[in-house]
Amino acid sequence: MAEPVRIVILGGLGEIGRNCLAIEQGEGDRRSILVIDCGIMFPSADLHGIDLVLPDFTYLRENAPLISALVATHGHEDHVGGIQFLLRDEHGIGDRRDTPLPVYGSRLTLGLARNRIEEAGLLGRVDFVPTNDGDRVEIGPFEVEFVPVTHSVPHAHAIVVRTDQGVILHSGDYKLDLTPVDDRRCDLARLGEIARSEGIRLLLADSTNAEEPGFAPSETSVGSVLRQVFAEHEGRRIITASFASHLHRIQQIADAAIASGRKVATLGLSMRKNVRLGRDLGVISIPDSSLIDVEDIDQYPPGEICVISTGSQGEPMSALALLARGENRFVKLGEADTVVL
């Protein structure tokens, strides 16, 4: 007899942020729980004094020994930024488990998650398990398949979970980009084959603004615009802002800068860490000769410098916000600067 399966959504439903859900199979102490994503949400303007908003961990804390693993769809903060808080003793599951929590995801996804977990001093409470496109792994009573999808952070996955009650497909965040920067496309053929052969019992799909008419242009269209902007501002120092996790955007900024004879410097701790991670994994390519420390930019004429900064959404403590207030200790804005959002 097939075991019952429950879906418990802990955050991210009808909101942008703190994405976290659990798939539970079995009954009583024989239950097994698979967690998909654990993210944070940045507070709205009316949440005074709140730094960030977390999923409700009560269910996971009460059932911590039954959690088989956590699967991360991609490396954005609203999907992996809450793992460090989940691992803590207070309100989390840290003191409720005898073994480290296995966390599955692509190498880039795990690398982005690892940064925050390491900062919190909690690496000993997690066991990272890297996966590749198309992998099928056994996690407790579930078989989990990792299907590539395109998104604004590279190496994102849709998650196919095979349960006693049939296939659950969690799309992760996706954008149907037919000409992505890295040529890694969403494997729609595989998703169609699963639907045709096994059938999909439950589809959980997430794509921001998917309910709006029209379509978004390909990420590669940004490159030509950037090259034009750099050409129009010859002789001026250019400071760009981007998500630190948007490595394809960072690659295109770097390509435009290098093509116009500029050196590239990163501004912001997360930008520096993510560019290093992306280069180590071969996700982005910036020659050593073109990458300089932000502390050395004043040694070059303004027209030979491009700074890639965090803060594209106006986060109050980001590098770009500090720059705008004249409080950044590395860069001071002047009349020879052009800022590109």
C-alpha atoms as a PDB file:
ATOM      1  CA  MET A   1       0.000   0.000   0.000  1.00  0.00           C
ATOM      2  CA  ALA A   2       1.351   3.422  -0.989  1.00  0.00           C
ATOM      3  CA  GLU A   3       2.408   5.626   1.893  1.00  0.00           C
ATOM      4  CA  PRO A   4       0.788   9.046   2.351  1.00  0.00           C
ATOM      5  CA  VAL A   5       2.676  12.128   1.163  1.00  0.00           C
ATOM      6  CA  ARG A   6       2.248  15.645   2.566  1.00  0.00           C
ATOM      7  CA  ILE A   7       3.488  19.003   1.280  1.00  0.00           C
ATOM      8  CA  VAL A   8       4.257  21.546   4.003  1.00  0.00           C
ATOM      9  CA  ILE A   9       4.997  25.050   2.729  1.00  0.00           C
ATOM     10  CA  LEU A  10       6.979  27.108   5.227  1.00  0.00           C
ATOM     11  CA  GLY A  11       7.542  30.263   3.182  1.00  0.00           C
ATOM     12  CA  GLY A  12       7.600  31.673  -0.325  1.00  0.00           C
ATOM     13  CA  LEU A  13       3.985  30.988  -1.247  1.00  0.00           C
ATOM     14  CA  GLY A  14       2.473  34.138  -2.743  1.00  0.00           C
ATOM     15  CA  GLU A  15       5.529  36.196  -1.788  1.00  0.00           C
ATOM     16  CA  ILE A  16       9.001  36.873  -3.157  1.00  0.00           C
ATOM     17  CA  GLY A  17      11.429  35.530  -0.587  1.00  0.00           C
ATOM     18  CA  ARG A  18      12.006  32.977   2.220  1.00  0.00           C
ATOM     19  CA  ASN A  19      11.282  30.064  -0.108  1.00  0.00           C
ATOM     20  CA  CYS A  20      11.093  26.811   1.847  1.00  0.00           C
ATOM     21  CA  LEU A  21       8.922  23.712   1.649  1.00  0.00           C
ATOM     22  CA  ALA A  22       8.989  20.149   2.917  1.00  0.00           C
ATOM     23  CA  ILE A  23       7.827  16.912   1.304  1.00  0.00           C
ATOM     24  CA  GLU A  24       6.929  14.290   3.924  1.00  0.00           C
ATOM     25  CA  GLN A  25       6.277  10.609   3.274  1.00  0.00           C
ATOM     26  CA  GLY A  26       5.130   7.966   5.732  1.00  0.00           C
ATOM     27  CA  GLU A  27       3.388   8.037   9.087  1.00  0.00           C
ATOM     28  CA  GLY A  28       4.457   8.432  12.703  1.00  0.00           C
ATOM     29  CA  ASP A  29       8.139   7.931  13.497  1.00  0.00           C
ATOM     30  CA  ARG A  30       8.610   6.238  10.107  1.00  0.00           C
ATOM     31  CA  ARG A  31       8.133   9.538   8.312  1.00  0.00           C
ATOM     32  CA  SER A  32      10.907  10.965   6.152  1.00  0.00           C
ATOM     33  CA  ILE A  33      11.140  14.670   5.306  1.00  0.00           C
ATOM     34  CA  LEU A  34      12.843  16.222   2.291  1.00  0.00           C
ATOM     35  CA  VAL A  35      13.307  20.003   2.495  1.00  0.00           C
ATOM     36  CA  ILE A  36      13.544  22.003  -0.729  1.00  0.00           C
ATOM     37  CA  ASP A  37      15.281  25.377  -0.371  1.00  0.00           C
ATOM     38  CA  CYS A  38      15.601  27.544   2.715  1.00  0.00           C
ATOM     39  CA  GLY A  39      15.772  31.236   1.916  1.00  0.00           C
ATOM     40  CA  ILE A  40      15.428  34.649   3.461  1.00  0.00           C
ATOM     41  CA  MET A  41      13.223  37.610   2.560  1.00  0.00           C
ATOM     42  CA  PHE A  42      14.359  41.205   2.809  1.00  0.00           C
ATOM     43  CA  PRO A  43      11.961  43.357   4.841  1.00  0.00           C
ATOM     44  CA  SER A  44       9.539  45.825   3.329  1.00  0.00           C
ATOM     45  CA  ALA A  45       9.745  49.499   4.250  1.00  0.00           C
ATOM     46  CA  ASP A  46       7.125  49.151   7.000  1.00  0.00           C
ATOM     47  CA  LEU A  47       9.086  46.482   8.927  1.00  0.00           C
ATOM     48  CA  HIS A  48      11.126  48.906  10.985  1.00  0.00           C
ATOM     49  CA  GLY A  49      14.121  47.433  12.790  1.00  0.00           C
ATOM     50  CA  ILE A  50      13.863  44.092  10.947  1.00  0.00           C
ATOM     51  CA  ASP A  51      16.994  42.964   9.090  1.00  0.00           C
ATOM     52  CA  LEU A  52      15.484  39.958   7.317  1.00  0.00           C
ATOM     53  CA  VAL A  53      12.488  37.609   7.426  1.00  0.00           C
ATOM     54  CA  LEU A  54      12.871  33.826   7.800  1.00  0.00           C
ATOM     55  CA  PRO A  55      10.601  30.860   7.085  1.00  0.00           C
ATOM     56  CA  ASP A  56       8.718  29.442  10.067  1.00  0.00           C
ATOM     57  CA  PHE A  57      11.066  26.686  11.259  1.00  0.00           C
ATOM     58  CA  THR A  58       8.684  25.292  13.931  1.00  0.00           C
ATOM     59  CA  TYR A  59       7.691  22.236  11.882  1.00  0.00           C
ATOM     60  CA  LEU A  60      11.314  21.434  10.978  1.00  0.00           C
ATOM     61  CA  ARG A  61      12.546  21.925  14.533  1.00  0.00           C
ATOM     62  CA  GLU A  62       9.829  19.631  15.928  1.00  0.00           C
ATOM     63  CA  ASN A  63      10.717  16.952  13.349  1.00  0.00           C
ATOM     64  CA  ALA A  64      14.467  17.514  13.003  1.00  0.00           C
ATOM     65  CA  PRO A  65      15.534  13.847  13.359  1.00  0.00           C
ATOM     66  CA  LEU A  66      13.192  12.887  10.495  1.00  0.00           C
ATOM     67  CA  ILE A  67      14.769  15.255   7.953  1.00  0.00           C
ATOM     68  CA  SER A  68      16.629  13.188   5.354  1.00  0.00           C
ATOM     69  CA  ALA A  69      18.213  16.122   3.508  1.00  0.00           C
ATOM     70  CA  LEU A  70      17.804  19.601   2.094  1.00  0.00           C
ATOM     71  CA  VAL A  71      17.864  20.115  -1.673  1.00  0.00           C
ATOM     72  CA  ALA A  72      18.775  23.577  -3.009  1.00  0.00           C
ATOM     73  CA  THR A  73      17.397  24.552  -6.418  1.00  0.00           C
ATOM     74  CA  HIS A  74      19.779  27.504  -6.950  1.00  0.00           C
ATOM     75  CA  GLY A  75      22.042  29.922  -5.149  1.00  0.00           C
ATOM     76  CA  HIS A  76      19.916  33.035  -4.615  1.00  0.00           C
ATOM     77  CA  GLU A  77      19.584  34.369  -1.071  1.00  0.00           C
ATOM     78  CA  ASP A  78      15.821  33.875  -1.096  1.00  0.00           C
ATOM     79  CA  HIS A  79      16.450  30.143  -1.616  1.00  0.00           C
ATOM     80  CA  VAL A  80      19.651  29.328   0.327  1.00  0.00           C
ATOM     81  CA  GLY A  81      20.274  32.358   2.552  1.00  0.00           C
ATOM     82  CA  GLY A  82      18.267  30.855   5.432  1.00  0.00           C
ATOM     83  CA  ILE A  83      20.206  27.592   5.760  1.00  0.00           C
ATOM     84  CA  GLN A  84      22.604  29.074   8.308  1.00  0.00           C
ATOM     85  CA  PHE A  85      19.645  30.053  10.497  1.00  0.00           C
ATOM     86  CA  LEU A  86      18.068  26.613  10.119  1.00  0.00           C
ATOM     87  CA  LEU A  87      21.299  25.037  11.407  1.00  0.00           C
ATOM     88  CA  ARG A  88      21.398  27.088  14.604  1.00  0.00           C
ATOM     89  CA  ASP A  89      20.304  25.868  18.027  1.00  0.00           C
ATOM     90  CA  GLU A  90      17.828  28.631  18.823  1.00  0.00           C
ATOM     91  CA  HIS A  91      14.696  28.302  16.653  1.00  0.00           C
ATOM     92  CA  GLY A  92      16.579  25.965  14.279  1.00  0.00           C
ATOM     93  CA  ILE A  93      17.392  22.272  14.180  1.00  0.00           C
ATOM     94  CA  GLY A  94      21.052  22.359  15.247  1.00  0.00           C
ATOM     95  CA  ASP A  95      20.578  20.907  18.723  1.00  0.00           C
ATOM     96  CA  ARG A  96      17.908  18.442  17.548  1.00  0.00           C
ATOM     97  CA  ARG A  97      20.103  16.355  15.201  1.00  0.00           C
ATOM     98  CA  ASP A  98      22.907  13.904  15.930  1.00  0.00           C
ATOM     99  CA  THR A  99      24.315  14.041  12.389  1.00  0.00           C
ATOM    100  CA  PRO A 100      25.138  16.848   9.917  1.00  0.00           C
ATOM    101  CA  LEU A 101      22.341  17.871   7.547  1.00  0.00           C
ATOM    102  CA  PRO A 102      23.014  16.674   3.965  1.00  0.00           C
ATOM    103  CA  VAL A 103      22.541  19.538   1.494  1.00  0.00           C
ATOM    104  CA  TYR A 104      22.328  18.687  -2.224  1.00  0.00           C
ATOM    105  CA  GLY A 105      22.780  21.081  -5.134  1.00  0.00           C
ATOM    106  CA  SER A 106      25.075  22.083  -7.980  1.00  0.00           C
ATOM    107  CA  ARG A 107      28.639  23.010  -7.054  1.00  0.00           C
ATOM    108  CA  LEU A 108      27.919  26.689  -7.643  1.00  0.00           C
ATOM    109  CA  THR A 109      24.707  26.578  -5.596  1.00  0.00           C
ATOM    110  CA  LEU A 110      26.521  24.904  -2.697  1.00  0.00           C
ATOM    111  CA  GLY A 111      29.410  27.338  -3.003  1.00  0.00           C
ATOM    112  CA  LEU A 112      27.080  30.327  -2.702  1.00  0.00           C
ATOM    113  CA  ALA A 113      25.295  28.734   0.273  1.00  0.00           C
ATOM    114  CA  ARG A 114      28.610  27.776   1.902  1.00  0.00           C
ATOM    115  CA  ASN A 115      29.734  31.414   2.095  1.00  0.00           C
ATOM    116  CA  ARG A 116      26.945  32.314   4.538  1.00  0.00           C
ATOM    117  CA  ILE A 117      27.182  29.089   6.529  1.00  0.00           C
ATOM    118  CA  GLU A 118      30.928  29.527   6.935  1.00  0.00           C
ATOM    119  CA  GLU A 119      30.480  33.122   8.104  1.00  0.00           C
ATOM    120  CA  ALA A 120      28.145  31.780  10.808  1.00  0.00           C
ATOM    121  CA  GLY A 121      30.716  29.173  11.908  1.00  0.00           C
ATOM    122  CA  LEU A 122      28.327  26.282  11.196  1.00  0.00           C
ATOM    123  CA  LEU A 123      30.140  24.247   8.537  1.00  0.00           C
ATOM    124  CA  GLY A 124      30.376  21.314  10.964  1.00  0.00           C
ATOM    125  CA  ARG A 125      26.590  20.970  10.931  1.00  0.00           C
ATOM    126  CA  VAL A 126      26.203  20.445   7.196  1.00  0.00           C
ATOM    127  CA  ASP A 127      27.360  17.838   4.679  1.00  0.00           C
ATOM    128  CA  PHE A 128      27.518  19.263   1.152  1.00  0.00           C
ATOM    129  CA  VAL A 129      26.678  16.788  -1.631  1.00  0.00           C
ATOM    130  CA  PRO A 130      27.347  18.254  -5.114  1.00  0.00           C
ATOM    131  CA  THR A 131      25.161  17.140  -8.007  1.00  0.00           C
ATOM    132  CA  ASN A 132      25.372  17.404 -11.787  1.00  0.00           C
ATOM    133  CA  ASP A 133      22.734  17.991 -14.442  1.00  0.00           C
ATOM    134  CA  GLY A 134      20.643  14.862 -14.864  1.00  0.00           C
ATOM    135  CA  ASP A 135      21.742  13.154 -11.649  1.00  0.00           C
ATOM    136  CA  ARG A 136      19.226  10.842  -9.964  1.00  0.00           C
ATOM    137  CA  VAL A 137      19.946  10.170  -6.287  1.00  0.00           C
ATOM    138  CA  GLU A 138      18.224   8.210  -3.536  1.00  0.00           C
ATOM    139  CA  ILE A 139      17.426  10.367  -0.494  1.00  0.00           C
ATOM    140  CA  GLY A 140      15.529   8.437   2.149  1.00  0.00           C
ATOM    141  CA  PRO A 141      12.415   6.962   0.479  1.00  0.00           C
ATOM    142  CA  PHE A 142      12.601   9.528  -2.358  1.00  0.00           C
ATOM    143  CA  GLU A 143      14.365   9.445  -5.694  1.00  0.00           C
ATOM    144  CA  VAL A 144      15.426  12.974  -6.621  1.00  0.00           C
ATOM    145  CA  GLU A 145      16.394  14.043 -10.145  1.00  0.00           C
ATOM    146  CA  PHE A 146      18.164  17.315 -10.997  1.00  0.00           C
ATOM    147  CA  VAL A 147      16.975  18.822 -14.294  1.00  0.00           C
ATOM    148  CA  PRO A 148      18.810  21.911 -15.628  1.00  0.00           C
ATOM    149  CA  VAL A 149      16.843  25.159 -15.922  1.00  0.00           C
ATOM    150  CA  THR A 150      17.945  28.655 -16.923  1.00  0.00           C
ATOM    151  CA  HIS A 151      17.780  31.469 -14.391  1.00  0.00           C
ATOM    152  CA  SER A 152      19.660  34.659 -13.535  1.00  0.00           C
ATOM    153  CA  VAL A 153      22.096  32.633 -11.430  1.00  0.00           C
ATOM    154  CA  PRO A 154      23.925  29.844 -13.286  1.00  0.00           C
ATOM    155  CA  HIS A 155      23.526  26.104 -12.675  1.00  0.00           C
ATOM    156  CA  ALA A 156      19.948  26.210 -11.351  1.00  0.00           C
ATOM    157  CA  HIS A 157      17.874  23.024 -11.221  1.00  0.00           C
ATOM    158  CA  ALA A 158      14.296  21.882 -11.326  1.00  0.00           C
ATOM    159  CA  ILE A 159      13.784  19.099  -8.787  1.00  0.00           C
ATOM    160  CA  VAL A 160      11.892  15.932  -9.694  1.00  0.00           C
ATOM    161  CA  VAL A 161      10.879  14.008  -6.561  1.00  0.00           C
ATOM    162  CA  ARG A 162       9.539  10.486  -7.008  1.00  0.00           C
ATOM    163  CA  THR A 163       7.291   9.506  -4.109  1.00  0.00           C
ATOM    164  CA  ASP A 164       4.868   6.700  -3.292  1.00  0.00           C
ATOM    165  CA  GLN A 165       2.087   8.973  -4.524  1.00  0.00           C
ATOM    166  CA  GLY A 166       3.752   9.803  -7.848  1.00  0.00           C
ATOM    167  CA  VAL A 167       6.070  12.462  -9.257  1.00  0.00           C
ATOM    168  CA  ILE A 168       6.304  15.912  -7.700  1.00  0.00           C
ATOM    169  CA  LEU A 169       8.008  18.462  -9.954  1.00  0.00           C
ATOM    170  CA  HIS A 170       9.416  21.580  -8.286  1.00  0.00           C
ATOM    171  CA  SER A 171      10.569  23.920 -11.038  1.00  0.00           C
ATOM    172  CA  GLY A 172      12.802  26.082  -8.863  1.00  0.00           C
ATOM    173  CA  ASP A 173      13.018  29.608 -10.264  1.00  0.00           C
ATOM    174  CA  TYR A 174      13.294  29.573 -14.034  1.00  0.00           C
ATOM    175  CA  LYS A 175      13.418  31.776 -17.119  1.00  0.00           C
ATOM    176  CA  LEU A 176      12.973  30.201 -20.528  1.00  0.00           C
ATOM    177  CA  ASP A 177      16.053  31.723 -22.176  1.00  0.00           C
ATOM    178  CA  LEU A 178      16.857  30.043 -25.510  1.00  0.00           C
ATOM    179  CA  THR A 179      20.206  31.848 -25.873  1.00  0.00           C
ATOM    180  CA  PRO A 180      21.743  31.871 -22.389  1.00  0.00           C
ATOM    181  CA  VAL A 181      25.265  33.190 -21.876  1.00  0.00           C
ATOM    182  CA  ASP A 182      26.669  29.721 -21.089  1.00  0.00           C
ATOM    183  CA  ASP A 183      24.504  27.804 -23.632  1.00  0.00           C
ATOM    184  CA  ARG A 184      23.057  25.714 -20.777  1.00  0.00           C
ATOM    185  CA  ARG A 185      19.351  25.629 -21.577  1.00  0.00           C
ATOM    186  CA  CYS A 186      16.302  24.503 -19.655  1.00  0.00           C
ATOM    187  CA  ASP A 187      15.851  20.799 -20.444  1.00  0.00           C
ATOM    188  CA  LEU A 188      12.233  21.015 -21.526  1.00  0.00           C
ATOM    189  CA  ALA A 189      12.593  17.746 -23.432  1.00  0.00           C
ATOM    190  CA  ARG A 190      13.387  15.855 -20.224  1.00  0.00           C
ATOM    191  CA  LEU A 191      10.475  17.457 -18.381  1.00  0.00           C
ATOM    192  CA  GLY A 192       8.196  16.548 -21.282  1.00  0.00           C
ATOM    193  CA  GLU A 193       9.454  12.962 -21.275  1.00  0.00           C
ATOM    194  CA  ILE A 194       8.724  12.623 -17.539  1.00  0.00           C
ATOM    195  CA  ALA A 195       5.230  14.026 -18.071  1.00  0.00           C
ATOM    196  CA  ARG A 196       4.625  11.631 -20.978  1.00  0.00           C
ATOM    197  CA  SER A 197       6.034   8.464 -19.429  1.00  0.00           C
ATOM    198  CA  GLU A 198       5.480   8.682 -15.665  1.00  0.00           C
ATOM    199  CA  GLY A 199       3.069  11.562 -15.379  1.00  0.00           C
ATOM    200  CA  ILE A 200       3.404  14.443 -12.938  1.00  0.00           C
ATOM    201  CA  ARG A 201       1.113  14.237  -9.916  1.00  0.00           C
ATOM    202  CA  LEU A 202       1.904  17.732  -8.632  1.00  0.00           C
ATOM    203  CA  LEU A 203       3.612  20.687 -10.334  1.00  0.00           C
ATOM    204  CA  LEU A 204       5.096  23.457  -8.189  1.00  0.00           C
ATOM    205  CA  ALA A 205       6.211  26.234 -10.564  1.00  0.00           C
ATOM    206  CA  ASP A 206       7.879  29.547  -9.750  1.00  0.00           C
ATOM    207  CA  SER A 207       8.798  32.248 -12.256  1.00  0.00           C
ATOM    208  CA  THR A 208       8.534  35.878 -11.190  1.00  0.00           C
ATOM    209  CA  ASN A 209       6.001  37.868 -13.245  1.00  0.00           C
ATOM    210  CA  ALA A 210       4.974  34.742 -15.190  1.00  0.00           C
ATOM    211  CA  GLU A 211       1.368  35.888 -14.849  1.00  0.00           C
ATOM    212  CA  GLU A 212       2.146  39.079 -16.797  1.00  0.00           C
ATOM    213  CA  PRO A 213       1.700  39.100 -20.601  1.00  0.00           C
ATOM    214  CA  GLY A 214       4.703  39.316 -22.914  1.00  0.00           C
ATOM    215  CA  PHE A 215       8.212  37.938 -22.533  1.00  0.00           C
ATOM    216  CA  ALA A 216      11.609  38.971 -21.228  1.00  0.00           C
ATOM    217  CA  PRO A 217      14.566  39.308 -23.615  1.00  0.00           C
ATOM    218  CA  SER A 218      17.492  36.922 -23.458  1.00  0.00           C
ATOM    219  CA  GLU A 219      20.302  37.653 -20.993  1.00  0.00           C
ATOM    220  CA  THR A 220      22.716  37.850 -23.927  1.00  0.00           C
ATOM    221  CA  SER A 221      20.952  41.011 -25.165  1.00  0.00           C
ATOM    222  CA  VAL A 222      22.526  42.885 -22.241  1.00  0.00           C
ATOM    223  CA  GLY A 223      26.035  42.428 -23.650  1.00  0.00           C
ATOM    224  CA  SER A 224      25.562  44.592 -26.748  1.00  0.00           C
ATOM    225  CA  VAL A 225      23.986  47.380 -24.679  1.00  0.00           C
ATOM    226  CA  LEU A 226      26.900  47.307 -22.239  1.00  0.00           C
ATOM    227  CA  ARG A 227      29.447  47.552 -25.033  1.00  0.00           C
ATOM    228  CA  GLN A 228      27.617  50.600 -26.381  1.00  0.00           C
ATOM    229  CA  VAL A 229      27.551  52.236 -22.920  1.00  0.00           C
ATOM    230  CA  PHE A 230      31.285  51.680 -22.473  1.00  0.00           C
ATOM    231  CA  ALA A 231      32.007  53.134 -25.919  1.00  0.00           C
ATOM    232  CA  GLU A 232      29.878  56.224 -25.198  1.00  0.00           C
ATOM    233  CA  HIS A 233      31.736  56.908 -21.933  1.00  0.00           C
ATOM    234  CA  GLU A 234      35.303  56.606 -23.120  1.00  0.00           C
ATOM    235  CA  GLY A 235      37.682  58.348 -20.743  1.00  0.00           C
ATOM    236  CA  ARG A 236      35.325  58.104 -17.776  1.00  0.00           C
ATOM    237  CA  ARG A 237      35.487  55.633 -14.898  1.00  0.00           C
ATOM    238  CA  ILE A 238      32.490  53.301 -15.027  1.00  0.00           C
ATOM    239  CA  ILE A 239      30.888  51.830 -11.903  1.00  0.00           C
ATOM    240  CA  THR A 240      28.272  49.137 -12.498  1.00  0.00           C
ATOM    241  CA  ALA A 241      25.837  47.526 -10.061  1.00  0.00           C
ATOM    242  CA  SER A 242      24.654  43.932 -10.201  1.00  0.00           C
ATOM    243  CA  PHE A 243      23.451  41.105  -8.015  1.00  0.00           C
ATOM    244  CA  ALA A 244      26.597  39.422  -6.715  1.00  0.00           C
ATOM    245  CA  SER A 245      25.109  36.050  -7.704  1.00  0.00           C
ATOM    246  CA  HIS A 246      24.286  37.124 -11.274  1.00  0.00           C
ATOM    247  CA  LEU A 247      27.533  35.736 -12.645  1.00  0.00           C
ATOM    248  CA  HIS A 248      26.368  35.854 -16.262  1.00  0.00           C
ATOM    249  CA  ARG A 249      25.701  39.581 -15.934  1.00  0.00           C
ATOM    250  CA  ILE A 250      29.087  40.033 -14.248  1.00  0.00           C
ATOM    251  CA  GLN A 251      30.728  38.129 -17.121  1.00  0.00           C
ATOM    252  CA  GLN A 252      29.130  40.420 -19.687  1.00  0.00           C
ATOM    253  CA  ILE A 253      30.168  43.540 -17.767  1.00  0.00           C
ATOM    254  CA  ALA A 254      33.730  42.231 -17.566  1.00  0.00           C
ATOM    255  CA  ASP A 255      33.760  41.351 -21.271  1.00  0.00           C
ATOM    256  CA  ALA A 256      32.596  44.857 -22.237  1.00  0.00           C
ATOM    257  CA  ALA A 257      35.130  46.449 -19.889  1.00  0.00           C
ATOM    258  CA  ILE A 258      38.069  44.391 -21.134  1.00  0.00           C
ATOM    259  CA  ALA A 259      37.090  44.957 -24.771  1.00  0.00           C
ATOM    260  CA  SER A 260      37.264  48.720 -24.123  1.00  0.00           C
ATOM    261  CA  GLY A 261      40.724  48.441 -22.570  1.00  0.00           C
ATOM    262  CA  ARG A 262      39.690  48.603 -18.916  1.00  0.00           C
ATOM    263  CA  LYS A 263      40.756  46.805 -15.770  1.00  0.00           C
ATOM    264  CA  VAL A 264      38.027  45.271 -13.610  1.00  0.00           C
ATOM    265  CA  ALA A 265      37.733  45.671  -9.830  1.00  0.00           C
ATOM    266  CA  THR A 266      35.016  44.265  -7.561  1.00  0.00           C
ATOM    267  CA  LEU A 267      33.376  46.263  -4.783  1.00  0.00           C
ATOM    268  CA  GLY A 268      31.515  44.583  -1.916  1.00  0.00           C
ATOM    269  CA  LEU A 269      32.397  41.470   0.057  1.00  0.00           C
ATOM    270  CA  SER A 270      29.807  39.216  -1.591  1.00  0.00           C
ATOM    271  CA  MET A 271      30.848  40.403  -5.066  1.00  0.00           C
ATOM    272  CA  ARG A 272      34.494  39.624  -4.358  1.00  0.00           C
ATOM    273  CA  LYS A 273      33.676  36.175  -2.926  1.00  0.00           C
ATOM    274  CA  ASN A 274      31.293  35.228  -5.729  1.00  0.00           C
ATOM    275  CA  VAL A 275      33.638  36.308  -8.510  1.00  0.00           C
ATOM    276  CA  ARG A 276      36.387  34.227  -6.908  1.00  0.00           C
ATOM    277  CA  LEU A 277      34.003  31.260  -6.612  1.00  0.00           C
ATOM    278  CA  GLY A 278      32.809  31.639 -10.209  1.00  0.00           C
ATOM    279  CA  ARG A 279      36.370  31.748 -11.515  1.00  0.00           C
ATOM    280  CA  ASP A 280      37.394  28.736  -9.419  1.00  0.00           C
ATOM    281  CA  LEU A 281      34.478  26.703 -10.830  1.00  0.00           C
ATOM    282  CA  GLY A 282      34.989  27.914 -14.388  1.00  0.00           C
ATOM    283  CA  VAL A 283      31.569  29.573 -14.486  1.00  0.00           C
ATOM    284  CA  ILE A 284      33.061  32.955 -15.384  1.00  0.00           C
ATOM    285  CA  SER A 285      36.319  33.854 -17.110  1.00  0.00           C
ATOM    286  CA  ILE A 286      38.242  37.019 -16.264  1.00  0.00           C
ATOM    287  CA  PRO A 287      41.996  36.966 -16.977  1.00  0.00           C
ATOM    288  CA  ASP A 288      44.307  37.642 -14.033  1.00  0.00           C
ATOM    289  CA  SER A 289      45.836  40.504 -16.024  1.00  0.00           C
ATOM    290  CA  SER A 290      42.453  42.273 -16.203  1.00  0.00           C
ATOM    291  CA  LEU A 291      41.392  41.877 -12.555  1.00  0.00           C
ATOM    292  CA  ILE A 292      42.800  44.312  -9.990  1.00  0.00           C
ATOM    293  CA  ASP A 293      42.168  45.085  -6.326  1.00  0.00           C
ATOM    294  CA  VAL A 294      39.706  47.902  -5.727  1.00  0.00           C
ATOM    295  CA  GLU A 295      42.293  49.558  -3.478  1.00  0.00           C
ATOM    296  CA  ASP A 296      44.547  50.050  -6.529  1.00  0.00           C
ATOM    297  CA  ILE A 297      42.095  51.749  -8.904  1.00  0.00           C
ATOM    298  CA  ASP A 298      43.489  55.230  -8.270  1.00  0.00           C
ATOM    299  CA  GLN A 299      46.761  54.100  -9.866  1.00  0.00           C
ATOM    300  CA  TYR A 300      44.994  54.082 -13.263  1.00  0.00           C
ATOM    301  CA  PRO A 301      43.368  56.811 -15.373  1.00  0.00           C
ATOM    302  CA  PRO A 302      39.554  56.874 -14.957  1.00  0.00           C
ATOM    303  CA  GLY A 303      38.989  55.624 -18.507  1.00  0.00           C
ATOM    304  CA  GLU A 304      40.901  52.441 -17.773  1.00  0.00           C
ATOM    305  CA  ILE A 305      38.755  51.308 -14.832  1.00  0.00           C
ATOM    306  CA  CYS A 306      35.453  49.453 -14.416  1.00  0.00           C
ATOM    307  CA  VAL A 307      34.160  48.751 -10.910  1.00  0.00           C
ATOM    308  CA  ILE A 308      31.527  46.016 -10.473  1.00  0.00           C
ATOM    309  CA  SER A 309      29.598  46.712  -7.264  1.00  0.00           C
ATOM    310  CA  THR A 310      26.821  45.167  -5.210  1.00  0.00           C
ATOM    311  CA  GLY A 311      23.668  47.167  -4.466  1.00  0.00           C
ATOM    312  CA  SER A 312      21.602  47.057  -7.646  1.00  0.00           C
ATOM    313  CA  GLN A 313      18.374  47.081  -5.597  1.00  0.00           C
ATOM    314  CA  GLY A 314      19.364  49.962  -3.341  1.00  0.00           C
ATOM    315  CA  GLU A 315      19.984  47.847  -0.235  1.00  0.00           C
ATOM    316  CA  PRO A 316      20.852  50.445   2.424  1.00  0.00           C
ATOM    317  CA  MET A 317      24.128  48.836   3.579  1.00  0.00           C
ATOM    318  CA  SER A 318      25.330  47.677   0.152  1.00  0.00           C
ATOM    319  CA  ALA A 319      28.547  48.936  -1.400  1.00  0.00           C
ATOM    320  CA  LEU A 320      26.673  51.115  -3.906  1.00  0.00           C
ATOM    321  CA  ALA A 321      24.516  52.734  -1.208  1.00  0.00           C
ATOM    322  CA  LEU A 322      27.621  53.568   0.832  1.00  0.00           C
ATOM    323  CA  LEU A 323      29.182  54.931  -2.337  1.00  0.00           C
ATOM    324  CA  ALA A 324      26.170  57.176  -2.977  1.00  0.00           C
ATOM    325  CA  ARG A 325      26.400  58.581   0.564  1.00  0.00           C
ATOM    326  CA  GLY A 326      30.135  59.164   0.270  1.00  0.00           C
ATOM    327  CA  GLU A 327      30.808  56.569   2.972  1.00  0.00           C
ATOM    328  CA  ASN A 328      32.613  53.904   0.945  1.00  0.00           C
ATOM    329  CA  ARG A 329      36.232  53.672   2.048  1.00  0.00           C
ATOM    330  CA  PHE A 330      37.525  52.324  -1.258  1.00  0.00           C
ATOM    331  CA  VAL A 331      35.824  54.499  -3.885  1.00  0.00           C
ATOM    332  CA  LYS A 332      34.792  58.161  -3.905  1.00  0.00           C
ATOM    333  CA  LEU A 333      32.470  59.320  -6.654  1.00  0.00           C
ATOM    334  CA  GLY A 334      33.544  62.288  -8.743  1.00  0.00           C
ATOM    335  CA  GLU A 335      32.701  64.178 -11.913  1.00  0.00           C
ATOM    336  CA  ALA A 336      34.707  61.694 -14.011  1.00  0.00           C
ATOM    337  CA  ASP A 337      32.508  58.766 -12.968  1.00  0.00           C
ATOM    338  CA  THR A 338      29.522  57.154 -14.674  1.00  0.00           C
ATOM    339  CA  VAL A 339      27.304  54.819 -12.636  1.00  0.00           C
ATOM    340  CA  VAL A 340      25.388  52.152 -14.566  1.00  0.00           C
ATOM    341  CA  LEU A 341      22.475  50.320 -12.922  1.00  0.00           C
END
